Structures are given as structure tokens and as C-alpha cells.
Amino acid sequence: MARFPILARSILRIVPRVIFGFPQTYPPDAVERELPDVAAARAFAGARIDPLEAVLAQRRCLIAPVGTDARTQAFLDRCDDVIRIAYARLARRHGSWGDDFHAYHNEEHILDILGDRIDRLIAARGAAVLGLRDWCALGVFAATHDLRQREAPCYAAGVGANERASLEETFRLLEAAGFSRSADGDLYHALDLMIDGSTFDARPSANGDPFNAAELVQSGGALAAKLAAKLDKHRPGWRGEPLLVHAHELALVAADIDTANVAEPFARFAASAVNLCSEREMLCGRSLDSGDSAQPVFGFLTDGQDRFFFDLHRFNSELGREAFQQAKADNAEPLKSLVMGVRARIAVRGRPATGQQVLEAYRDTLAGIV
């Protein structure tokens, strides 16, 4: 993968707009009003923000070879403040600092992407494979793409309501941090396509209920793979716009780091499946201790994992494939063993009465593999 071209300042001053033309419909919520700026985020977080600070410091060290002058250093500082605010807001909304805990989409997901997964991109080709502004854009994406998780389903051009709401909030964060749609058009365009592309199959189900992986145990995967076709339809001529071409390239990389749990050390990958399954059951209103969760949990952790890993998931960028493909391949045989082992264990133990019993069988099987 060649280094992305450095865009001329005259190009960067093109004023961007929301690429797919969605109306602005998601105003600030109570958490956004509670944590409006970095001072409020720091005050609310206290020492709980230390893990993020460690990751930000490590990232600065890794991208230092790209080189910075005073202007780009200020850009980096402002991006890090956006990340701090977003981290505090997600932890407050759906993480360990609030009362609506989501087992997967919480502040730890930010740390996973911002830390190890971006580090692995850098390790694959070196920091110079992207420009500093690109690394900053990926960092802001890591912190902001899942900011909103409770929006009513609304499907438009393949983009989900949570993603549209998260993007609107991200743009407000950028503007509050002093970014300009004219001077920083590359950042706005990149985040627009990155967050849109992170939609994980927003299709409504046949009966009109919101699509839910725990219910249907299937998915079309991240929208990023279809972004070029979506742009051809909704923004004809985009291939002649350098900002959009560059943003599309970054959106593919962003989708790869978002879904690179498949390339984590196997125990971590398996744990992420449990977290996502638990979150989906919670969103469906099913207790893991109830009988109606047994079959959805079993399906998610067996057929669903198998289908996603082997049939649906693909890395979309050359850089993503180089950084993660081999580690994903290394997980293929352990995953087959885990899925077969869970099925065999359930067959011996008998039909599970609850989702929790399925999770116990899953964890017992995993312990014999790792």
C-alpha cells in the first residue's frame, strides 16, 4: 500500500458537507450537555481517564517519525481533546461510568482500536505509510464512531441511525475543538465516510423490527465494503474529488480496525464474541438467565460465529490485510474447534435451559483450547 498523497492546502479548503445528504436530526442528549468540553470530561473522569492517556502517549511516540511542525502539533492536540471527550461520553452513556452498560460498545472498545489495533497498522508498514492527519483521523474515529447506541432504527443509503447520530455529535465535537469545515475538510470527509462505513448491517428485518444479530445470527457485514457503490449512486463523480477518494481509502482502513477482533489473540477474540452476544441479548430485552435466551445465544456463538468469521468478514484495505489477515487465519482452526466443542458439550449436557448455561458451555470449551 503506497503512502496516501499529501493533499494540497488549496484542496483541503474545499468546504465539505454531509456526503450522503442526510438532514441533521440528532440533537445533543443529556450526556453531551453534561460533558460539553475537555475540562468537564477530565473533571468527571478523574483517574479513570488514565488508561486513555497512556494510549494517547504511546500513539504520539509511534507516529513521531512522521514529523510535526507547530501547526500540525496543534492539530494533534485538538484531536486528542476530541478523543478525551468522546471517551468520557461513551463511558458515561454505555460504559462503566454510567447506568446503561453495553458489554461490547463501551470505552474498552475505544482503547482496543486506538491502542493495539492502530499499533499493528503502524507495525505492518511503519508510521510513514499514512500522514499525521490520517493517523489523527483514525484516532478520532476510534473514539467517536459508536458514541450513540440507542437511536430508533432508521435506514437510509445503508447508514444506520446510531452512525448518523454519532457522526452529527462528532461534527459538533470538531467544531467545539476549533476545527473548521473549510481548513480541515480532509478530517470532516474522512470521518463522514469512516463512521457511515462502520454501519454493521442496518437492514430492517422482514417483520419491521430492527435488525439484531442475536435474533437472526447473520449479517451483511460493515457497510464500508459497499461505500464505493453507494457513492457512485449518491455522489456521481466522486472519483474525481481528491478529498473523497482519500476519505474512501481511510474508511476502508477504519472498517478493518473496527472488525479486527477476529485477529486478536484467540482468547480475546472469543471473549469479544461473548460481550457482543451479551449486549445483543440485553438490547433484545432477554435476560441471560431466562429460557428465551438459550437458543439465540447458542445460535450466535455457534452458527453465527462460524458464518461471520468464514463467510462474511473480509478486510477491505491492503494495509488492513497486511496487519491482520495472518492473525485471523491463525484463529480459524481454534474457532472451528470451539464451535464444534460447544455443540458437542451441549449435546452431552442436554438442551440448555438458559443463555447463561450456553455461555458456561462456551467458556468451559474455550478453557480446553487456549
Protein backbone atom coordinates (compact mmCIF):
# COMPACT_ATOMS: atom_id res chain seq x y z
CA MET A 1 0.00 0.00 0.00
CA ALA A 2 1.56 3.25 -1.09
CA ARG A 3 1.57 6.20 1.27
CA PHE A 4 -1.55 8.31 0.73
CA PRO A 5 -0.73 11.52 -1.12
CA ILE A 6 -0.41 14.69 0.92
CA LEU A 7 -3.25 16.91 -0.22
CA ALA A 8 -2.53 20.49 -1.12
CA ARG A 9 -3.85 23.14 1.25
CA SER A 10 -5.94 24.58 -1.58
CA ILE A 11 -7.72 21.23 -1.85
CA LEU A 12 -8.16 20.98 1.91
CA ARG A 13 -10.06 24.26 1.90
CA ILE A 14 -12.95 22.83 -0.09
CA VAL A 15 -15.99 23.19 2.17
CA PRO A 16 -17.41 19.70 2.86
CA ARG A 17 -20.99 18.78 3.53
CA VAL A 18 -22.54 15.58 4.82
CA ILE A 19 -21.69 13.31 1.94
CA PHE A 20 -24.95 11.39 1.68
CA GLY A 21 -27.09 14.46 2.24
CA PHE A 22 -28.87 13.34 5.40
CA PRO A 23 -30.81 16.03 7.28
CA GLN A 24 -29.50 16.96 10.71
CA THR A 25 -31.91 15.20 13.06
CA TYR A 26 -29.99 14.10 16.19
CA PRO A 27 -29.59 16.91 18.72
CA PRO A 28 -27.36 16.77 21.83
CA ASP A 29 -28.59 14.46 24.58
CA ALA A 30 -28.17 14.75 28.35
CA VAL A 31 -24.65 13.26 28.35
CA GLU A 32 -23.45 15.63 25.63
CA ARG A 33 -24.78 18.55 27.65
CA GLU A 34 -23.25 17.15 30.85
CA LEU A 35 -19.79 16.74 29.26
CA PRO A 36 -19.55 19.61 26.76
CA ASP A 37 -15.76 20.08 26.71
CA VAL A 38 -12.45 18.57 27.72
CA ALA A 39 -12.41 20.32 31.09
CA ALA A 40 -15.76 18.76 32.02
CA ALA A 41 -14.61 15.37 30.71
CA ARG A 42 -11.40 15.48 32.76
CA ALA A 43 -13.23 16.62 35.89
CA PHE A 44 -15.84 13.87 35.57
CA ALA A 45 -13.31 11.16 34.72
CA GLY A 46 -10.58 11.86 37.22
CA ALA A 47 -8.08 9.00 37.37
CA ARG A 48 -10.42 6.81 35.31
CA ILE A 49 -9.09 8.51 32.18
CA ASP A 50 -5.51 7.33 32.86
CA PRO A 51 -5.74 4.24 30.58
CA LEU A 52 -6.68 6.51 27.69
CA GLU A 53 -3.86 8.94 28.48
CA ALA A 54 -1.39 6.07 28.36
CA VAL A 55 -2.66 5.01 24.94
CA LEU A 56 -2.54 8.58 23.60
CA ALA A 57 1.04 8.99 24.82
CA GLN A 58 2.07 5.71 23.20
CA ARG A 59 0.43 6.70 19.92
CA ARG A 60 2.29 10.01 19.87
CA CYS A 61 5.56 8.14 20.23
CA LEU A 62 4.71 5.78 17.38
CA ILE A 63 3.69 8.48 14.91
CA ALA A 64 6.52 10.86 15.84
CA PRO A 65 8.64 9.73 12.85
CA VAL A 66 6.04 11.24 10.52
CA GLY A 67 7.23 14.62 11.74
CA THR A 68 5.30 17.60 13.03
CA ASP A 69 5.62 21.33 12.96
CA ALA A 70 3.88 23.70 15.36
CA ARG A 71 0.74 23.78 13.22
CA THR A 72 0.32 20.02 12.96
CA GLN A 73 1.20 19.62 16.63
CA ALA A 74 -1.73 21.89 17.47
CA PHE A 75 -3.89 19.75 15.19
CA LEU A 76 -2.83 16.64 17.08
CA ASP A 77 -3.53 18.29 20.43
CA ARG A 78 -7.07 19.21 19.37
CA CYS A 79 -7.74 15.71 18.06
CA ASP A 80 -6.60 14.23 21.37
CA ASP A 81 -9.01 16.52 23.22
CA VAL A 82 -11.86 15.32 20.98
CA ILE A 83 -10.85 11.76 21.82
CA ARG A 84 -10.85 12.52 25.56
CA ILE A 85 -14.34 13.99 25.44
CA ALA A 86 -15.70 11.13 23.32
CA TYR A 87 -14.14 8.56 25.65
CA ALA A 88 -15.77 10.15 28.69
CA ARG A 89 -19.14 10.40 26.95
CA LEU A 90 -19.19 6.76 25.83
CA ALA A 91 -18.09 5.60 29.28
CA ARG A 92 -20.88 7.71 30.77
CA ARG A 93 -23.56 6.56 28.30
CA HIS A 94 -22.82 2.91 27.82
CA GLY A 95 -19.70 2.06 29.76
CA SER A 96 -18.52 1.52 33.29
CA TRP A 97 -19.26 5.10 34.43
CA GLY A 98 -23.00 5.07 33.77
CA ASP A 99 -26.15 3.04 34.26
CA ASP A 100 -26.77 1.69 30.72
CA PHE A 101 -23.83 -0.68 30.37
CA HIS A 102 -23.22 -2.22 26.96
CA ALA A 103 -20.92 -5.23 27.19
CA TYR A 104 -19.24 -4.57 23.82
CA HIS A 105 -19.78 -0.94 22.83
CA ASN A 106 -18.15 0.79 25.77
CA GLU A 107 -14.92 2.67 26.48
CA GLU A 108 -12.84 -0.52 26.27
CA HIS A 109 -13.74 -0.78 22.58
CA ILE A 110 -12.15 2.64 22.09
CA LEU A 111 -8.95 1.50 23.81
CA ASP A 112 -8.83 -1.68 21.73
CA ILE A 113 -8.92 0.23 18.45
CA LEU A 114 -6.93 3.29 19.46
CA GLY A 115 -4.24 1.19 21.09
CA ASP A 116 -3.32 -2.27 19.88
CA ARG A 117 -5.09 -2.25 16.52
CA ILE A 118 -3.66 1.06 15.31
CA ASP A 119 -0.29 -0.03 16.71
CA ARG A 120 -0.50 -3.10 14.48
CA LEU A 121 -1.16 -0.94 11.43
CA ILE A 122 1.98 1.00 12.22
CA ALA A 123 3.95 -2.18 12.80
CA ALA A 124 2.88 -3.53 9.41
CA ARG A 125 4.34 -0.72 7.29
CA GLY A 126 5.72 1.94 9.60
CA ALA A 127 4.17 5.25 10.60
CA ALA A 128 5.08 6.86 7.27
CA VAL A 129 2.50 4.74 5.43
CA LEU A 130 -0.04 7.43 6.39
CA GLY A 131 0.21 11.13 7.07
CA LEU A 132 -0.11 12.51 10.59
CA ARG A 133 -3.55 13.92 9.81
CA ASP A 134 -4.62 10.46 8.69
CA TRP A 135 -3.44 8.87 11.93
CA CYS A 136 -5.32 11.56 13.81
CA ALA A 137 -8.47 10.86 11.80
CA LEU A 138 -8.25 7.15 12.62
CA GLY A 139 -7.82 8.02 16.29
CA VAL A 140 -10.87 10.27 16.32
CA PHE A 141 -12.84 7.56 14.51
CA ALA A 142 -11.87 5.03 17.18
CA ALA A 143 -13.33 7.28 19.87
CA THR A 144 -16.43 8.61 18.14
CA HIS A 145 -17.93 6.03 15.77
CA ASP A 146 -20.00 4.32 18.49
CA LEU A 147 -20.94 7.38 20.55
CA ARG A 148 -24.66 6.78 20.16
CA GLN A 149 -26.18 3.31 20.60
CA ARG A 150 -29.83 3.88 21.47
CA GLU A 151 -31.31 5.60 18.42
CA ALA A 152 -34.58 4.39 16.92
CA PRO A 153 -33.91 2.34 13.77
CA CYS A 154 -33.74 4.44 10.62
CA TYR A 155 -32.23 3.04 7.44
CA ALA A 156 -31.01 5.41 4.71
CA ALA A 157 -28.43 4.67 1.99
CA GLY A 158 -27.21 1.78 4.11
CA VAL A 159 -26.27 4.02 7.04
CA GLY A 160 -27.78 3.27 10.45
CA ALA A 161 -29.34 5.71 12.87
CA ASN A 162 -26.67 5.15 15.53
CA GLU A 163 -23.99 6.02 13.00
CA ARG A 164 -25.79 9.13 11.76
CA ALA A 165 -26.27 10.32 15.34
CA SER A 166 -22.64 9.56 16.18
CA LEU A 167 -21.48 11.49 13.12
CA GLU A 168 -23.56 14.54 13.99
CA GLU A 169 -22.16 14.53 17.51
CA THR A 170 -18.63 14.09 16.12
CA PHE A 171 -19.03 17.14 13.91
CA ARG A 172 -20.19 19.15 16.92
CA LEU A 173 -17.12 17.96 18.80
CA LEU A 174 -14.83 19.00 15.96
CA GLU A 175 -16.36 22.43 15.74
CA ALA A 176 -16.16 22.94 19.51
CA ALA A 177 -12.48 21.95 19.39
CA GLY A 178 -11.75 24.67 16.86
CA PHE A 179 -11.72 22.68 13.65
CA SER A 180 -13.03 24.31 10.50
CA ARG A 181 -15.01 22.71 7.71
CA SER A 182 -13.03 24.83 5.27
CA ALA A 183 -9.49 24.38 6.61
CA ASP A 184 -9.97 20.80 7.81
CA GLY A 185 -12.08 19.37 5.04
CA ASP A 186 -9.96 16.23 4.91
CA LEU A 187 -10.85 15.41 8.52
CA TYR A 188 -14.58 16.04 8.05
CA HIS A 189 -14.77 13.99 4.85
CA ALA A 190 -12.77 11.12 6.33
CA LEU A 191 -14.88 10.90 9.48
CA ASP A 192 -18.07 11.16 7.45
CA LEU A 193 -17.21 8.09 5.39
CA MET A 194 -15.49 6.25 8.24
CA ILE A 195 -18.49 6.48 10.57
CA ASP A 196 -21.02 5.85 7.80
CA GLY A 197 -18.98 2.83 6.72
CA SER A 198 -18.92 1.41 10.25
CA THR A 199 -22.65 0.64 9.99
CA PHE A 200 -22.93 -3.05 10.67
CA ASP A 201 -25.88 -4.04 8.55
CA ALA A 202 -28.72 -1.63 9.31
CA ARG A 203 -31.25 -3.54 7.19
CA PRO A 204 -34.65 -3.84 8.80
CA SER A 205 -35.86 -7.37 9.33
CA ALA A 206 -38.74 -8.76 7.33
CA ASN A 207 -41.28 -8.04 10.07
CA GLY A 208 -40.13 -4.46 10.53
CA ASP A 209 -38.23 -4.99 13.79
CA PRO A 210 -34.67 -3.62 13.94
CA PHE A 211 -32.04 -5.96 12.60
CA ASN A 212 -30.39 -7.77 15.50
CA ALA A 213 -27.56 -10.29 15.27
CA ALA A 214 -28.76 -12.19 18.33
CA GLU A 215 -32.14 -12.74 16.69
CA LEU A 216 -31.10 -13.60 13.15
CA VAL A 217 -27.48 -14.71 13.56
CA GLN A 218 -26.50 -13.33 10.21
CA SER A 219 -25.18 -10.11 8.80
CA GLY A 220 -24.01 -8.46 5.64
CA GLY A 221 -21.01 -7.03 7.45
CA ALA A 222 -19.71 -3.46 7.57
CA LEU A 223 -21.07 -1.00 5.01
CA ALA A 224 -17.51 0.08 4.16
CA ALA A 225 -17.23 -2.70 1.58
CA LYS A 226 -20.16 -1.14 -0.31
CA LEU A 227 -19.17 2.52 0.10
CA ALA A 228 -17.83 2.91 -3.43
CA ALA A 229 -21.12 1.70 -4.90
CA LYS A 230 -23.09 3.92 -2.51
CA LEU A 231 -21.00 6.92 -3.56
CA ASP A 232 -21.48 6.07 -7.24
CA LYS A 233 -25.23 6.22 -6.64
CA HIS A 234 -25.47 9.21 -4.30
CA ARG A 235 -22.41 11.26 -5.30
CA PRO A 236 -21.71 10.66 -9.00
CA GLY A 237 -18.30 11.93 -9.98
CA TRP A 238 -16.79 11.41 -6.53
CA ARG A 239 -13.82 9.60 -8.05
CA GLY A 240 -12.72 12.95 -9.41
CA GLU A 241 -12.78 14.59 -5.96
CA PRO A 242 -9.42 14.05 -4.19
CA LEU A 243 -10.90 14.56 -0.73
CA LEU A 244 -13.50 11.86 -1.25
CA VAL A 245 -11.06 9.41 -2.84
CA HIS A 246 -8.74 9.87 0.13
CA ALA A 247 -11.61 9.63 2.63
CA HIS A 248 -12.80 6.41 1.00
CA GLU A 249 -9.34 4.86 1.35
CA LEU A 250 -9.25 5.78 5.03
CA ALA A 251 -12.81 4.47 5.55
CA LEU A 252 -11.68 1.03 4.40
CA VAL A 253 -8.81 1.09 6.89
CA ALA A 254 -11.21 2.24 9.63
CA ALA A 255 -13.59 -0.64 8.94
CA ASP A 256 -10.68 -3.06 9.20
CA ILE A 257 -9.57 -1.87 12.63
CA ASP A 258 -13.19 -1.83 13.83
CA THR A 259 -13.69 -5.51 12.95
CA ALA A 260 -10.17 -6.73 13.71
CA ASN A 261 -11.31 -8.55 16.85
CA VAL A 262 -11.20 -11.59 14.54
CA ALA A 263 -7.41 -11.17 14.56
CA GLU A 264 -6.98 -10.77 18.33
CA PRO A 265 -5.26 -13.48 20.34
CA PHE A 266 -7.87 -16.23 20.35
CA ALA A 267 -8.98 -15.92 23.98
CA ARG A 268 -9.61 -12.19 23.46
CA PHE A 269 -11.48 -12.83 20.24
CA ALA A 270 -13.68 -15.40 21.97
CA ALA A 271 -14.30 -13.02 24.88
CA SER A 272 -15.36 -10.28 22.46
CA ALA A 273 -17.94 -12.67 21.00
CA VAL A 274 -19.37 -13.24 24.48
CA ASN A 275 -19.51 -9.49 25.09
CA LEU A 276 -21.27 -8.80 21.81
CA CYS A 277 -23.71 -11.66 22.39
CA SER A 278 -24.48 -10.39 25.90
CA GLU A 279 -25.05 -6.88 24.59
CA ARG A 280 -27.40 -8.08 21.88
CA GLU A 281 -29.43 -10.09 24.36
CA MET A 282 -29.68 -7.02 26.59
CA LEU A 283 -30.85 -4.89 23.68
CA CYS A 284 -33.49 -7.53 22.90
CA GLY A 285 -34.72 -7.38 26.48
CA ARG A 286 -33.83 -11.00 27.16
CA SER A 287 -32.14 -11.96 30.41
CA LEU A 288 -29.33 -14.48 30.08
CA ASP A 289 -30.95 -16.30 32.99
CA SER A 290 -34.22 -16.74 31.12
CA GLY A 291 -35.28 -19.58 28.89
CA ASP A 292 -35.96 -17.43 25.86
CA SER A 293 -32.27 -16.50 25.62
CA ALA A 294 -30.99 -20.07 25.31
CA GLN A 295 -31.49 -20.62 21.60
CA PRO A 296 -30.41 -17.13 20.44
CA VAL A 297 -27.20 -17.36 22.50
CA PHE A 298 -26.46 -20.85 21.22
CA GLY A 299 -27.06 -19.77 17.64
CA PHE A 300 -24.95 -16.64 17.98
CA LEU A 301 -21.95 -18.44 19.47
CA THR A 302 -22.00 -21.36 17.03
CA ASP A 303 -23.55 -20.87 13.59
CA GLY A 304 -23.35 -17.10 13.92
CA GLN A 305 -19.65 -17.02 14.75
CA ASP A 306 -18.86 -19.52 12.05
CA ARG A 307 -20.83 -17.64 9.41
CA PHE A 308 -19.39 -14.25 10.28
CA PHE A 309 -15.77 -15.40 10.50
CA PHE A 310 -15.61 -17.61 7.44
CA ASP A 311 -18.29 -16.29 5.08
CA LEU A 312 -18.94 -12.64 5.77
CA HIS A 313 -15.92 -10.95 7.27
CA ARG A 314 -13.28 -9.54 4.92
CA PHE A 315 -10.53 -6.99 5.40
CA ASN A 316 -11.17 -4.17 2.96
CA SER A 317 -7.82 -2.38 2.69
CA GLU A 318 -4.37 -3.54 1.70
CA LEU A 319 -2.97 -2.16 4.95
CA GLY A 320 -5.64 -3.93 6.99
CA ARG A 321 -4.94 -7.24 5.28
CA GLU A 322 -1.22 -6.90 5.88
CA ALA A 323 -1.70 -6.02 9.55
CA PHE A 324 -4.41 -8.55 10.47
CA GLN A 325 -5.00 -11.28 7.88
CA GLN A 326 -2.43 -13.77 9.13
CA ALA A 327 -3.58 -13.41 12.74
CA LYS A 328 -7.15 -14.01 11.62
CA ALA A 329 -6.03 -17.10 9.70
CA ASP A 330 -4.33 -18.36 12.86
CA ASN A 331 -7.70 -18.18 14.64
CA ALA A 332 -9.56 -20.26 12.05
CA GLU A 333 -8.80 -23.72 13.41
CA PRO A 334 -9.30 -22.75 17.08
CA LEU A 335 -12.67 -21.25 16.16
CA LYS A 336 -13.73 -24.43 14.40
CA SER A 337 -12.70 -26.40 17.47
CA LEU A 338 -14.57 -24.04 19.77
CA VAL A 339 -17.79 -24.16 17.77
CA MET A 340 -17.69 -27.94 17.42
CA GLY A 341 -16.78 -28.29 21.10
CA VAL A 342 -19.72 -26.16 22.22
CA ARG A 343 -22.11 -28.22 20.11
CA ALA A 344 -20.70 -31.46 21.49
CA ARG A 345 -20.79 -30.23 25.07
CA ILE A 346 -24.40 -29.11 24.72
CA ALA A 347 -25.30 -32.47 23.15
CA VAL A 348 -23.86 -34.27 26.18
CA ARG A 349 -25.31 -31.93 28.79
CA GLY A 350 -28.69 -31.71 27.14
CA ARG A 351 -30.68 -28.81 25.79
CA PRO A 352 -29.68 -25.66 27.72
CA ALA A 353 -32.39 -24.05 29.80
CA THR A 354 -30.92 -20.53 29.65
CA GLY A 355 -28.47 -18.42 27.73
CA GLN A 356 -26.22 -18.44 30.78
CA GLN A 357 -25.88 -22.19 30.52
CA VAL A 358 -24.75 -21.80 26.90
CA LEU A 359 -22.16 -19.25 27.99
CA GLU A 360 -20.89 -21.68 30.62
CA ALA A 361 -20.51 -24.39 27.98
CA TYR A 362 -18.74 -21.91 25.70
CA ARG A 363 -16.29 -20.86 28.42
CA ASP A 364 -15.63 -24.45 29.51
CA THR A 365 -14.87 -25.42 25.92
CA LEU A 366 -12.64 -22.37 25.44
CA ALA A 367 -10.63 -23.26 28.54
CA GLY A 368 -9.66 -26.54 26.92
CA ILE A 369 -8.41 -24.78 23.77
CA VAL A 370 -6.35 -21.82 24.97
